[in-house]
Protein backbone atom coordinates (compact mmCIF):
# COMPACT_ATOMS: atom_id res chain seq x y z
CA MET A 1 -15.29 20.17 -18.17
CA SER A 2 -16.06 17.99 -21.14
CA PHE A 3 -18.69 15.40 -20.32
CA ILE A 4 -19.36 12.47 -22.64
CA PRO A 5 -22.36 10.13 -22.54
CA VAL A 6 -21.46 6.62 -21.37
CA ALA A 7 -24.67 4.84 -20.34
CA LYS A 8 -28.41 5.07 -19.87
CA VAL A 9 -29.81 5.29 -16.34
CA HIS A 10 -31.89 2.11 -16.74
CA GLU A 11 -28.74 0.10 -17.60
CA ILE A 12 -27.45 0.38 -14.03
CA PRO A 13 -29.88 -0.68 -11.29
CA PRO A 14 -29.38 0.80 -7.79
CA GLY A 15 -26.60 -0.99 -5.91
CA SER A 16 -24.81 -2.16 -9.04
CA ALA A 17 -21.92 -1.25 -11.33
CA LYS A 18 -21.12 -1.27 -15.03
CA LEU A 19 -17.78 -1.43 -16.80
CA ILE A 20 -17.26 1.47 -19.20
CA GLU A 21 -14.38 1.31 -21.69
CA ILE A 22 -13.28 4.53 -23.39
CA ASN A 23 -10.03 4.91 -25.33
CA ASN A 24 -8.42 1.87 -23.62
CA LEU A 25 -9.45 3.27 -20.24
CA GLU A 26 -11.53 1.05 -17.92
CA ILE A 27 -13.96 2.92 -15.68
CA ALA A 28 -16.30 1.42 -13.08
CA LEU A 29 -19.62 3.29 -13.07
CA PHE A 30 -21.54 2.74 -9.81
CA ARG A 31 -25.09 3.56 -8.80
CA LEU A 32 -25.85 4.20 -5.14
CA GLY A 33 -29.57 4.96 -4.87
CA ASP A 34 -30.20 7.64 -7.48
CA GLU A 35 -26.60 8.90 -7.52
CA PHE A 36 -23.86 7.79 -9.93
CA TYR A 37 -20.09 7.65 -9.31
CA ALA A 38 -17.14 6.71 -11.50
CA THR A 39 -13.73 5.37 -10.51
CA SER A 40 -10.89 3.55 -12.18
CA ASN A 41 -11.98 -0.05 -12.70
CA LEU A 42 -8.60 -1.44 -11.65
CA CYS A 43 -7.97 -2.29 -8.00
CA LEU A 44 -4.75 -0.74 -6.72
CA HIS A 45 -3.60 -4.10 -5.32
CA GLN A 46 -3.36 -6.34 -8.41
CA ALA A 47 -5.66 -4.64 -10.95
CA GLY A 48 -8.76 -6.68 -10.11
CA PRO A 49 -11.97 -5.60 -11.91
CA LEU A 50 -13.87 -3.39 -9.46
CA ALA A 51 -17.01 -3.25 -11.62
CA GLU A 52 -17.34 -6.97 -10.84
CA GLY A 53 -16.89 -6.40 -7.10
CA ARG A 54 -19.51 -6.52 -4.36
CA ILE A 55 -21.00 -3.23 -3.21
CA ASP A 56 -21.22 -2.86 0.57
CA GLY A 57 -22.81 0.45 1.52
CA GLU A 58 -20.59 3.12 -0.05
CA GLN A 59 -17.69 0.73 -0.64
CA VAL A 60 -16.80 -1.67 -3.42
CA ILE A 61 -14.97 -4.86 -2.51
CA CYS A 62 -12.53 -6.17 -5.10
CA PRO A 63 -13.54 -9.67 -6.22
CA TRP A 64 -9.94 -10.91 -6.30
CA HIS A 65 -8.46 -10.15 -2.86
CA HIS A 66 -11.23 -8.22 -1.08
CA TRP A 67 -9.58 -4.82 -0.96
CA ARG A 68 -12.14 -2.07 -0.24
CA PHE A 69 -12.55 1.37 -1.77
CA ASN A 70 -15.03 4.17 -1.15
CA ILE A 71 -17.14 4.54 -4.29
CA LYS A 72 -17.72 8.27 -3.75
CA ASP A 73 -14.13 9.47 -3.31
CA GLY A 74 -11.86 6.51 -4.16
CA THR A 75 -10.24 6.28 -0.72
CA SER A 76 -9.43 2.99 0.98
CA PRO A 77 -9.85 2.15 4.67
CA LEU A 78 -6.67 0.07 4.33
CA SER A 79 -4.41 3.10 3.95
CA PRO A 80 -4.82 6.86 3.48
CA LYS A 81 -2.20 6.64 0.72
CA LEU A 82 -4.43 4.41 -1.42
CA LYS A 83 -6.87 6.32 -3.61
CA LEU A 84 -8.54 5.31 -6.85
CA LYS A 85 -8.85 7.87 -9.62
CA THR A 86 -12.38 9.24 -9.65
CA TYR A 87 -14.25 11.03 -12.41
CA PRO A 88 -16.99 13.67 -12.29
CA VAL A 89 -20.39 12.26 -13.25
CA LYS A 90 -23.64 13.97 -14.10
CA ARG A 91 -27.07 12.85 -15.18
CA GLU A 92 -29.08 14.52 -17.92
CA GLU A 93 -32.52 12.93 -18.10
CA ASP A 94 -31.84 9.26 -19.02
CA GLU A 95 -28.15 9.78 -19.90
CA ILE A 96 -25.17 9.34 -17.59
CA LEU A 97 -22.16 11.44 -18.56
CA ILE A 98 -18.55 11.29 -17.35
CA ASP A 99 -15.79 13.89 -17.56
CA LEU A 100 -12.46 12.18 -18.29
CA SER A 101 -10.28 15.30 -18.00
């Protein structure tokens, strides 16, 4: 795995998200408590910006049409066929790192 630094821990308060853009790729970086998760930022319905969505427990709700996705694994309660791309995340002191491979 090849992790790259993308944010500082203090930049993402618990229960929030941050848009990360790397090489024309949009990633939504979420913080649930002290844990961090990364998914594609684009909703599978009509590419709404998930980093701008509302967090409800372990789900993010797309701000455009209210589709829901599990932040931890990318699955959707709407259909087992719907799954966001997820990325491994790790924390090293105050740095948050993502593996894009």
